[in-house]
C-alpha atoms as a PDB file:
ATOM      1  CA  UNK A   1      11.202   6.168  -1.557  1.00  0.00           C
ATOM      2  CA  UNK A   2      10.614   2.382  -1.627  1.00  0.00           C
ATOM      3  CA  UNK A   3       7.070   1.421  -2.657  1.00  0.00           C
ATOM      4  CA  UNK A   4       6.057  -0.251   0.671  1.00  0.00           C
ATOM      5  CA  UNK A   5       7.008   2.919   2.529  1.00  0.00           C
ATOM      6  CA  UNK A   6       5.174   5.101   0.018  1.00  0.00           C
ATOM      7  CA  UNK A   7       1.967   3.045   0.149  1.00  0.00           C
ATOM      8  CA  UNK A   8       2.022   3.240   3.944  1.00  0.00           C
ATOM      9  CA  UNK A   9       2.210   7.035   3.753  1.00  0.00           C
ATOM     10  CA  UNK A  10      -0.611   7.154   1.226  1.00  0.00           C
ATOM     11  CA  UNK A  11      -2.771   4.927   3.448  1.00  0.00           C
ATOM     12  CA  UNK A  12      -2.057   7.235   6.363  1.00  0.00           C
ATOM     13  CA  UNK A  13      -2.930  10.312   4.281  1.00  0.00           C
ATOM     14  CA  UNK A  14      -6.296   8.717   3.426  1.00  0.00           C
ATOM     15  CA  UNK A  15      -7.217   8.725   7.124  1.00  0.00           C
ATOM     16  CA  UNK A  16      -8.823  12.137   7.257  1.00  0.00           C
ATOM     17  CA  UNK A  17     -10.844  11.948  10.462  1.00  0.00           C
ATOM     18  CA  UNK A  18     -13.977  12.862   8.517  1.00  0.00           C
ATOM     19  CA  UNK A  19     -16.129   9.781   8.072  1.00  0.00           C
ATOM     20  CA  UNK A  20     -17.435  10.756   4.627  1.00  0.00           C
ATOM     21  CA  UNK A  21     -13.884  11.078   3.281  1.00  0.00           C
ATOM     22  CA  UNK A  22     -12.553   8.014   5.097  1.00  0.00           C
ATOM     23  CA  UNK A  23     -15.314   5.852   3.593  1.00  0.00           C
ATOM     24  CA  UNK A  24     -14.317   6.947   0.083  1.00  0.00           C
ATOM     25  CA  UNK A  25     -10.549   7.231   0.291  1.00  0.00           C
ATOM     26  CA  UNK A  26      -9.495   4.251   2.386  1.00  0.00           C
ATOM     27  CA  UNK A  27     -11.241   1.547   0.329  1.00  0.00           C
ATOM     28  CA  UNK A  28     -10.119   3.208  -2.894  1.00  0.00           C
ATOM     29  CA  UNK A  29      -6.459   3.173  -1.915  1.00  0.00           C
ATOM     30  CA  UNK A  30      -6.682  -0.458  -0.763  1.00  0.00           C
ATOM     31  CA  UNK A  31      -8.416  -1.663  -3.919  1.00  0.00           C
ATOM     32  CA  UNK A  32      -6.954   0.492  -6.681  1.00  0.00           C
ATOM     33  CA  UNK A  33      -3.819   2.421  -5.730  1.00  0.00           C
ATOM     34  CA  UNK A  34      -1.216  -0.233  -6.503  1.00  0.00           C
ATOM     35  CA  UNK A  35      -2.653  -0.880  -9.986  1.00  0.00           C
ATOM     36  CA  UNK A  36      -2.672   2.808 -10.924  1.00  0.00           C
ATOM     37  CA  UNK A  37      -0.107   4.346 -13.254  1.00  0.00           C
ATOM     38  CA  UNK A  38       2.666   6.374 -11.651  1.00  0.00           C
ATOM     39  CA  UNK A  39       1.127   9.549 -13.091  1.00  0.00           C
ATOM     40  CA  UNK A  40      -2.246   8.736 -11.517  1.00  0.00           C
ATOM     41  CA  UNK A  41      -0.576   7.879  -8.218  1.00  0.00           C
ATOM     42  CA  UNK A  42       1.089  11.302  -8.248  1.00  0.00           C
ATOM     43  CA  UNK A  43      -2.226  13.039  -8.938  1.00  0.00           C
ATOM     44  CA  UNK A  44      -3.924  11.086  -6.148  1.00  0.00           C
ATOM     45  CA  UNK A  45      -1.171  11.972  -3.664  1.00  0.00           C
ATOM     46  CA  UNK A  46      -1.340  15.647  -4.664  1.00  0.00           C
ATOM     47  CA  UNK A  47      -5.120  15.557  -4.266  1.00  0.00           C
ATOM     48  CA  UNK A  48      -4.657  14.240  -0.724  1.00  0.00           C
ATOM     49  CA  UNK A  49      -2.607  17.354   0.077  1.00  0.00           C
ATOM     50  CA  UNK A  50      -5.807  19.413  -0.224  1.00  0.00           C
ATOM     51  CA  UNK A  51      -7.579  20.585   2.895  1.00  0.00           C
ATOM     52  CA  UNK A  52     -10.438  18.471   4.273  1.00  0.00           C
ATOM     53  CA  UNK A  53     -13.165  21.093   3.663  1.00  0.00           C
ATOM     54  CA  UNK A  54     -12.125  21.298  -0.009  1.00  0.00           C
ATOM     55  CA  UNK A  55     -12.039  17.523  -0.379  1.00  0.00           C
ATOM     56  CA  UNK A  56     -15.413  17.204   1.333  1.00  0.00           C
ATOM     57  CA  UNK A  57     -16.998  19.810  -0.964  1.00  0.00           C
ATOM     58  CA  UNK A  58     -15.556  18.174  -4.079  1.00  0.00           C
ATOM     59  CA  UNK A  59     -16.352  14.568  -3.173  1.00  0.00           C
ATOM     60  CA  UNK A  60     -19.862  15.369  -1.947  1.00  0.00           C
ATOM     61  CA  UNK A  61     -20.593  17.383  -5.097  1.00  0.00           C
ATOM     62  CA  UNK A  62     -21.104  20.705  -3.306  1.00  0.00           C
ATOM     63  CA  UNK A  63     -18.392  22.317  -5.447  1.00  0.00           C
ATOM     64  CA  UNK A  64     -16.683  21.447  -8.706  1.00  0.00           C
ATOM     65  CA  UNK A  65     -12.917  21.170  -8.531  1.00  0.00           C
ATOM     66  CA  UNK A  66     -11.317  23.553 -11.010  1.00  0.00           C
ATOM     67  CA  UNK A  67      -8.189  21.403 -11.456  1.00  0.00           C
ATOM     68  CA  UNK A  68      -9.025  19.008 -14.328  1.00  0.00           C
ATOM     69  CA  UNK A  69      -6.666  16.264 -13.118  1.00  0.00           C
ATOM     70  CA  UNK A  70      -8.108  16.392  -9.610  1.00  0.00           C
ATOM     71  CA  UNK A  71     -11.652  16.452 -11.035  1.00  0.00           C
ATOM     72  CA  UNK A  72     -11.015  13.245 -13.013  1.00  0.00           C
ATOM     73  CA  UNK A  73      -9.484  11.571  -9.949  1.00  0.00           C
ATOM     74  CA  UNK A  74     -12.444  12.611  -7.794  1.00  0.00           C
ATOM     75  CA  UNK A  75     -14.805  11.006 -10.305  1.00  0.00           C
ATOM     76  CA  UNK A  76     -12.650   7.872 -10.315  1.00  0.00           C
ATOM     77  CA  UNK A  77     -12.595   7.635  -6.519  1.00  0.00           C
ATOM     78  CA  UNK A  78     -16.355   8.159  -6.362  1.00  0.00           C
ATOM     79  CA  UNK A  79     -16.739   5.266  -8.786  1.00  0.00           C
ATOM     80  CA  UNK A  80     -18.366   7.115 -11.642  1.00  0.00           C
ATOM     81  CA  UNK A  81     -17.112   6.940 -15.205  1.00  0.00           C
ATOM     82  CA  UNK A  82     -15.245  10.017 -16.415  1.00  0.00           C
ATOM     83  CA  UNK A  83     -16.959  12.064 -19.094  1.00  0.00           C
END
């Protein structure tokens, strides 16, 4: 898939309809997605395939994501350095 088409789909996937997620995901994709490695882009896209309640719990810190790649990406999106 050509990159402009892919970025449009990723932007659309960041529109969750839940304000707390929209405020995190949309600015992140606009500011950082294009500079990410292909591996990180794949992880981010896979993370977006998660259900909204899961994403909300992970991003708000109510639950810890058991997938280590997702957990690192969540920290990155939230703007905190990875441990």
